[in-house]
Amino acid sequence: MIPFGPTVLVLRMSLRDVEPEVWRRIVVRSEMPLRKLSLALERAMGWEGYHLHLFDVAGVLFGEPDEDADYMIHENAAAVKHLLPRVGASLRWDYDFGDGWEHDVVVEAIESAVDGKRYPVCLDGARACPPEDCGGTSGYERLLAALADPNDPEHERLVEWAPDGFDPQVFDLVAANRRLRAR
């Protein structure tokens, strides 16, 4: 049964082709424009947000059209509820076309919004987001191997390159929500 009045969607987002899985569970208002959803997904994951993105819903693409992507529907034309209308609905969110990060986003629940509660909010997650510009899935695998092996010829260089304190095993819920609250 769909709640009466303003609703929120509980979304589970997982990064494709990375094992063990990197995922987040966030709650967003159903009226949220796609541009703001992208910002929420970036912040929940830990992406810095300086790369292009798009939403793919069964082959229909939403993003920021330009002369090279005039086939795309402008993301300002739709809200979250238009693309994810029911529990189980899903889409693919792509971030950083060079590295090719693809995320599966699935509606787990549709609930009544709580008066006075700030959205979006991150409820849970696992593992750190890969560092920006690490070379996609294969580059990330190479980074993890080098960081784990002090005898690897690239270990020292990549330790210096990686973000301070980077630990692929750690997801920081407090930091994720701090990023979501940032303006």
C-alpha atoms as a PDB file:
ATOM      1  CA  MET A   1       0.000   0.000   0.000  1.00  0.00           C
ATOM      2  CA  ILE A   2       1.384   3.425  -0.968  1.00  0.00           C
ATOM      3  CA  PRO A   3       1.385   5.895   1.930  1.00  0.00           C
ATOM      4  CA  PHE A   4      -0.853   8.970   1.830  1.00  0.00           C
ATOM      5  CA  GLY A   5       0.834  12.397   1.670  1.00  0.00           C
ATOM      6  CA  PRO A   6       4.510  13.164   1.099  1.00  0.00           C
ATOM      7  CA  THR A   7       6.613  10.058   0.600  1.00  0.00           C
ATOM      8  CA  VAL A   8      10.231   9.027   0.759  1.00  0.00           C
ATOM      9  CA  LEU A   9      11.982   6.192  -1.020  1.00  0.00           C
ATOM     10  CA  VAL A  10      14.444   3.860   0.623  1.00  0.00           C
ATOM     11  CA  LEU A  11      17.046   3.179  -2.066  1.00  0.00           C
ATOM     12  CA  ARG A  12      19.811   0.607  -2.115  1.00  0.00           C
ATOM     13  CA  MET A  13      22.716   1.563  -4.348  1.00  0.00           C
ATOM     14  CA  SER A  14      25.518  -0.843  -5.173  1.00  0.00           C
ATOM     15  CA  LEU A  15      28.645  -0.338  -7.233  1.00  0.00           C
ATOM     16  CA  ARG A  16      28.858  -2.825 -10.102  1.00  0.00           C
ATOM     17  CA  ASP A  17      31.853  -5.087 -10.717  1.00  0.00           C
ATOM     18  CA  VAL A  18      33.577  -4.455  -7.373  1.00  0.00           C
ATOM     19  CA  GLU A  19      33.990  -7.310  -4.900  1.00  0.00           C
ATOM     20  CA  PRO A  20      33.446  -7.334  -2.010  1.00  0.00           C
ATOM     21  CA  GLU A  21      30.422  -5.173  -2.686  1.00  0.00           C
ATOM     22  CA  VAL A  22      30.418  -1.416  -2.042  1.00  0.00           C
ATOM     23  CA  TRP A  23      26.850  -0.313  -1.270  1.00  0.00           C
ATOM     24  CA  ARG A  24      24.716   2.319   0.464  1.00  0.00           C
ATOM     25  CA  ARG A  25      21.130   2.537   1.682  1.00  0.00           C
ATOM     26  CA  ILE A  26      19.697   6.056   1.533  1.00  0.00           C
ATOM     27  CA  VAL A  27      16.314   7.697   2.007  1.00  0.00           C
ATOM     28  CA  VAL A  28      15.270  10.479  -0.383  1.00  0.00           C
ATOM     29  CA  ARG A  29      12.093  12.465  -0.929  1.00  0.00           C
ATOM     30  CA  SER A  30      10.064  11.139  -3.857  1.00  0.00           C
ATOM     31  CA  GLU A  31       9.711  14.711  -5.196  1.00  0.00           C
ATOM     32  CA  MET A  32      13.506  15.181  -5.390  1.00  0.00           C
ATOM     33  CA  PRO A  33      14.671  16.277  -8.861  1.00  0.00           C
ATOM     34  CA  LEU A  34      17.103  13.910 -10.591  1.00  0.00           C
ATOM     35  CA  ARG A  35      19.934  16.467 -10.420  1.00  0.00           C
ATOM     36  CA  LYS A  36      19.642  16.488  -6.625  1.00  0.00           C
ATOM     37  CA  LEU A  37      19.372  12.691  -6.567  1.00  0.00           C
ATOM     38  CA  SER A  38      22.683  12.497  -8.392  1.00  0.00           C
ATOM     39  CA  LEU A  39      24.235  14.807  -5.813  1.00  0.00           C
ATOM     40  CA  ALA A  40      22.824  12.637  -2.992  1.00  0.00           C
ATOM     41  CA  LEU A  41      24.171   9.454  -4.607  1.00  0.00           C
ATOM     42  CA  GLU A  42      27.612  11.053  -5.063  1.00  0.00           C
ATOM     43  CA  ARG A  43      27.756  12.196  -1.455  1.00  0.00           C
ATOM     44  CA  ALA A  44      26.449   8.935   0.013  1.00  0.00           C
ATOM     45  CA  MET A  45      29.019   6.933  -1.937  1.00  0.00           C
ATOM     46  CA  GLY A  46      31.875   9.329  -1.279  1.00  0.00           C
ATOM     47  CA  TRP A  47      32.434  10.528  -4.838  1.00  0.00           C
ATOM     48  CA  GLU A  48      33.681  14.100  -5.084  1.00  0.00           C
ATOM     49  CA  GLY A  49      31.174  15.065  -7.779  1.00  0.00           C
ATOM     50  CA  TYR A  50      33.376  16.614 -10.432  1.00  0.00           C
ATOM     51  CA  HIS A  51      32.641  14.045 -13.151  1.00  0.00           C
ATOM     52  CA  LEU A  52      29.686  13.692 -15.505  1.00  0.00           C
ATOM     53  CA  HIS A  53      26.840  11.322 -14.686  1.00  0.00           C
ATOM     54  CA  LEU A  54      23.677   9.910 -16.199  1.00  0.00           C
ATOM     55  CA  PHE A  55      20.652   7.832 -15.258  1.00  0.00           C
ATOM     56  CA  ASP A  56      19.665   4.848 -17.418  1.00  0.00           C
ATOM     57  CA  VAL A  57      16.101   3.592 -17.030  1.00  0.00           C
ATOM     58  CA  ALA A  58      15.549   0.660 -19.391  1.00  0.00           C
ATOM     59  CA  GLY A  59      17.653   2.339 -22.068  1.00  0.00           C
ATOM     60  CA  VAL A  60      16.143   5.821 -21.636  1.00  0.00           C
ATOM     61  CA  LEU A  61      18.932   8.199 -20.583  1.00  0.00           C
ATOM     62  CA  PHE A  62      18.590  11.230 -18.306  1.00  0.00           C
ATOM     63  CA  GLY A  63      21.392  13.676 -17.628  1.00  0.00           C
ATOM     64  CA  GLU A  64      22.715  16.988 -18.917  1.00  0.00           C
ATOM     65  CA  PRO A  65      22.422  16.983 -22.721  1.00  0.00           C
ATOM     66  CA  ASP A  66      24.990  18.818 -24.829  1.00  0.00           C
ATOM     67  CA  GLU A  67      26.056  18.754 -28.470  1.00  0.00           C
ATOM     68  CA  ASP A  68      27.618  15.325 -27.923  1.00  0.00           C
ATOM     69  CA  ALA A  69      24.662  13.914 -25.984  1.00  0.00           C
ATOM     70  CA  ASP A  70      21.555  15.460 -27.522  1.00  0.00           C
ATOM     71  CA  TYR A  71      19.782  12.076 -27.293  1.00  0.00           C
ATOM     72  CA  MET A  72      19.606  12.459 -23.513  1.00  0.00           C
ATOM     73  CA  ILE A  73      16.541  13.780 -21.651  1.00  0.00           C
ATOM     74  CA  HIS A  74      17.452  16.648 -19.349  1.00  0.00           C
ATOM     75  CA  GLU A  75      17.499  15.475 -15.757  1.00  0.00           C
ATOM     76  CA  ASN A  76      15.550  18.585 -14.701  1.00  0.00           C
ATOM     77  CA  ALA A  77      12.533  17.110 -16.532  1.00  0.00           C
ATOM     78  CA  ALA A  78      11.912  14.367 -13.961  1.00  0.00           C
ATOM     79  CA  ALA A  79      11.757  13.667 -10.256  1.00  0.00           C
ATOM     80  CA  VAL A  80      12.757  10.483  -8.456  1.00  0.00           C
ATOM     81  CA  LYS A  81       9.123   9.299  -8.305  1.00  0.00           C
ATOM     82  CA  HIS A  82       8.910   9.418 -12.118  1.00  0.00           C
ATOM     83  CA  LEU A  83      11.815   7.011 -12.620  1.00  0.00           C
ATOM     84  CA  LEU A  84      11.322   4.882  -9.514  1.00  0.00           C
ATOM     85  CA  PRO A  85       7.529   4.682  -9.032  1.00  0.00           C
ATOM     86  CA  ARG A  86       7.244   1.473  -7.002  1.00  0.00           C
ATOM     87  CA  VAL A  87       9.067  -0.957  -4.740  1.00  0.00           C
ATOM     88  CA  GLY A  88      11.446  -3.059  -6.819  1.00  0.00           C
ATOM     89  CA  ALA A  89      11.842  -0.396  -9.545  1.00  0.00           C
ATOM     90  CA  SER A  90      15.460   0.140 -10.533  1.00  0.00           C
ATOM     91  CA  LEU A  91      17.805   2.212 -12.622  1.00  0.00           C
ATOM     92  CA  ARG A  92      21.495   2.410 -13.414  1.00  0.00           C
ATOM     93  CA  TRP A  93      23.394   5.504 -12.362  1.00  0.00           C
ATOM     94  CA  ASP A  94      26.714   6.084 -14.120  1.00  0.00           C
ATOM     95  CA  TYR A  95      29.384   8.319 -12.648  1.00  0.00           C
ATOM     96  CA  ASP A  96      32.680   9.347 -14.283  1.00  0.00           C
ATOM     97  CA  PHE A  97      32.440   8.197 -17.884  1.00  0.00           C
ATOM     98  CA  GLY A  98      36.242   7.820 -18.072  1.00  0.00           C
ATOM     99  CA  ASP A  99      36.503   5.396 -15.157  1.00  0.00           C
ATOM    100  CA  GLY A 100      33.063   3.982 -15.959  1.00  0.00           C
ATOM    101  CA  TRP A 101      31.566   3.540 -12.502  1.00  0.00           C
ATOM    102  CA  GLU A 102      28.091   1.974 -12.789  1.00  0.00           C
ATOM    103  CA  HIS A 103      25.712   1.736  -9.846  1.00  0.00           C
ATOM    104  CA  ASP A 104      22.489  -0.241  -9.502  1.00  0.00           C
ATOM    105  CA  VAL A 105      19.809   1.715  -7.621  1.00  0.00           C
ATOM    106  CA  VAL A 106      16.736  -0.196  -6.405  1.00  0.00           C
ATOM    107  CA  VAL A 107      13.676   0.950  -4.437  1.00  0.00           C
ATOM    108  CA  GLU A 108      13.436  -1.142  -1.267  1.00  0.00           C
ATOM    109  CA  ALA A 109      10.497   0.700   0.287  1.00  0.00           C
ATOM    110  CA  ILE A 110       8.172   3.671  -0.121  1.00  0.00           C
ATOM    111  CA  GLU A 111       7.245   5.253   3.198  1.00  0.00           C
ATOM    112  CA  SER A 112       5.548   8.323   4.591  1.00  0.00           C
ATOM    113  CA  ALA A 113       7.916  11.219   5.126  1.00  0.00           C
ATOM    114  CA  VAL A 114       8.516  12.062   8.785  1.00  0.00           C
ATOM    115  CA  ASP A 115       7.678  15.680   9.637  1.00  0.00           C
ATOM    116  CA  GLY A 116      10.798  17.573  10.668  1.00  0.00           C
ATOM    117  CA  LYS A 117      13.211  14.910   9.433  1.00  0.00           C
ATOM    118  CA  ARG A 118      15.921  16.023   7.008  1.00  0.00           C
ATOM    119  CA  TYR A 119      16.318  14.097   3.801  1.00  0.00           C
ATOM    120  CA  PRO A 120      18.339  12.680   2.180  1.00  0.00           C
ATOM    121  CA  VAL A 121      19.819  10.503   4.881  1.00  0.00           C
ATOM    122  CA  CYS A 122      22.100   7.480   4.686  1.00  0.00           C
ATOM    123  CA  LEU A 123      21.001   4.522   6.810  1.00  0.00           C
ATOM    124  CA  ASP A 124      23.709   1.969   6.140  1.00  0.00           C
ATOM    125  CA  GLY A 125      26.434   0.836   3.788  1.00  0.00           C
ATOM    126  CA  ALA A 126      29.543  -1.254   3.377  1.00  0.00           C
ATOM    127  CA  ARG A 127      33.132  -0.563   2.318  1.00  0.00           C
ATOM    128  CA  ALA A 128      34.782   2.626   1.179  1.00  0.00           C
ATOM    129  CA  CYS A 129      34.115   4.131  -2.203  1.00  0.00           C
ATOM    130  CA  PRO A 130      37.066   3.752  -4.603  1.00  0.00           C
ATOM    131  CA  PRO A 131      39.218   6.894  -4.837  1.00  0.00           C
ATOM    132  CA  GLU A 132      38.414   9.290  -7.676  1.00  0.00           C
ATOM    133  CA  ASP A 133      40.359   8.765 -10.900  1.00  0.00           C
ATOM    134  CA  CYS A 134      41.847   5.410  -9.897  1.00  0.00           C
ATOM    135  CA  GLY A 135      41.178   3.899 -13.324  1.00  0.00           C
ATOM    136  CA  GLY A 136      37.815   2.179 -12.948  1.00  0.00           C
ATOM    137  CA  THR A 137      37.355  -1.378 -11.765  1.00  0.00           C
ATOM    138  CA  SER A 138      40.693  -2.696 -13.058  1.00  0.00           C
ATOM    139  CA  GLY A 139      42.604   0.316 -11.729  1.00  0.00           C
ATOM    140  CA  TYR A 140      40.915  -0.078  -8.359  1.00  0.00           C
ATOM    141  CA  GLU A 141      41.814  -3.777  -8.209  1.00  0.00           C
ATOM    142  CA  ARG A 142      45.422  -2.861  -9.036  1.00  0.00           C
ATOM    143  CA  LEU A 143      45.410  -0.147  -6.353  1.00  0.00           C
ATOM    144  CA  LEU A 144      44.108  -2.571  -3.706  1.00  0.00           C
ATOM    145  CA  ALA A 145      46.726  -5.191  -4.631  1.00  0.00           C
ATOM    146  CA  ALA A 146      49.563  -2.653  -4.426  1.00  0.00           C
ATOM    147  CA  LEU A 147      48.361  -1.177  -1.130  1.00  0.00           C
ATOM    148  CA  ALA A 148      48.111  -4.655   0.424  1.00  0.00           C
ATOM    149  CA  ASP A 149      51.627  -5.720  -0.644  1.00  0.00           C
ATOM    150  CA  PRO A 150      54.558  -3.685   0.733  1.00  0.00           C
ATOM    151  CA  ASN A 151      56.832  -5.534  -1.736  1.00  0.00           C
ATOM    152  CA  ASP A 152      54.816  -4.384  -4.753  1.00  0.00           C
ATOM    153  CA  PRO A 153      56.958  -2.034  -6.875  1.00  0.00           C
ATOM    154  CA  GLU A 154      54.160   0.571  -6.866  1.00  0.00           C
ATOM    155  CA  HIS A 155      53.273   0.257  -3.176  1.00  0.00           C
ATOM    156  CA  GLU A 156      55.004   3.437  -1.949  1.00  0.00           C
ATOM    157  CA  ARG A 157      53.791   5.597  -4.837  1.00  0.00           C
ATOM    158  CA  LEU A 158      50.188   4.433  -4.468  1.00  0.00           C
ATOM    159  CA  VAL A 159      50.221   4.812  -0.677  1.00  0.00           C
ATOM    160  CA  GLU A 160      51.173   8.464  -1.266  1.00  0.00           C
ATOM    161  CA  TRP A 161      48.586   8.840  -4.065  1.00  0.00           C
ATOM    162  CA  ALA A 162      45.638   7.331  -2.162  1.00  0.00           C
ATOM    163  CA  PRO A 163      43.537   9.633   0.035  1.00  0.00           C
ATOM    164  CA  ASP A 164      44.856  10.037   3.587  1.00  0.00           C
ATOM    165  CA  GLY A 165      43.672   7.188   5.785  1.00  0.00           C
ATOM    166  CA  PHE A 166      42.059   5.291   2.890  1.00  0.00           C
ATOM    167  CA  ASP A 167      40.882   1.879   4.079  1.00  0.00           C
ATOM    168  CA  PRO A 168      38.787  -0.060   1.535  1.00  0.00           C
ATOM    169  CA  GLN A 169      37.160  -2.088   4.315  1.00  0.00           C
ATOM    170  CA  VAL A 170      35.684   0.900   6.151  1.00  0.00           C
ATOM    171  CA  PHE A 171      32.359   2.632   5.573  1.00  0.00           C
ATOM    172  CA  ASP A 172      31.834   5.729   7.725  1.00  0.00           C
ATOM    173  CA  LEU A 173      28.102   6.360   8.181  1.00  0.00           C
ATOM    174  CA  VAL A 174      28.667   9.611  10.093  1.00  0.00           C
ATOM    175  CA  ALA A 175      30.894  10.987   7.305  1.00  0.00           C
ATOM    176  CA  ALA A 176      28.349   9.944   4.641  1.00  0.00           C
ATOM    177  CA  ASN A 177      25.584  11.847   6.437  1.00  0.00           C
ATOM    178  CA  ARG A 178      27.870  14.834   6.976  1.00  0.00           C
ATOM    179  CA  ARG A 179      28.467  14.955   3.196  1.00  0.00           C
ATOM    180  CA  LEU A 180      24.711  14.673   2.556  1.00  0.00           C
ATOM    181  CA  ARG A 181      24.081  17.669   4.810  1.00  0.00           C
ATOM    182  CA  ALA A 182      26.758  19.803   3.124  1.00  0.00           C
ATOM    183  CA  ARG A 183      25.481  22.492   0.810  1.00  0.00           C
END
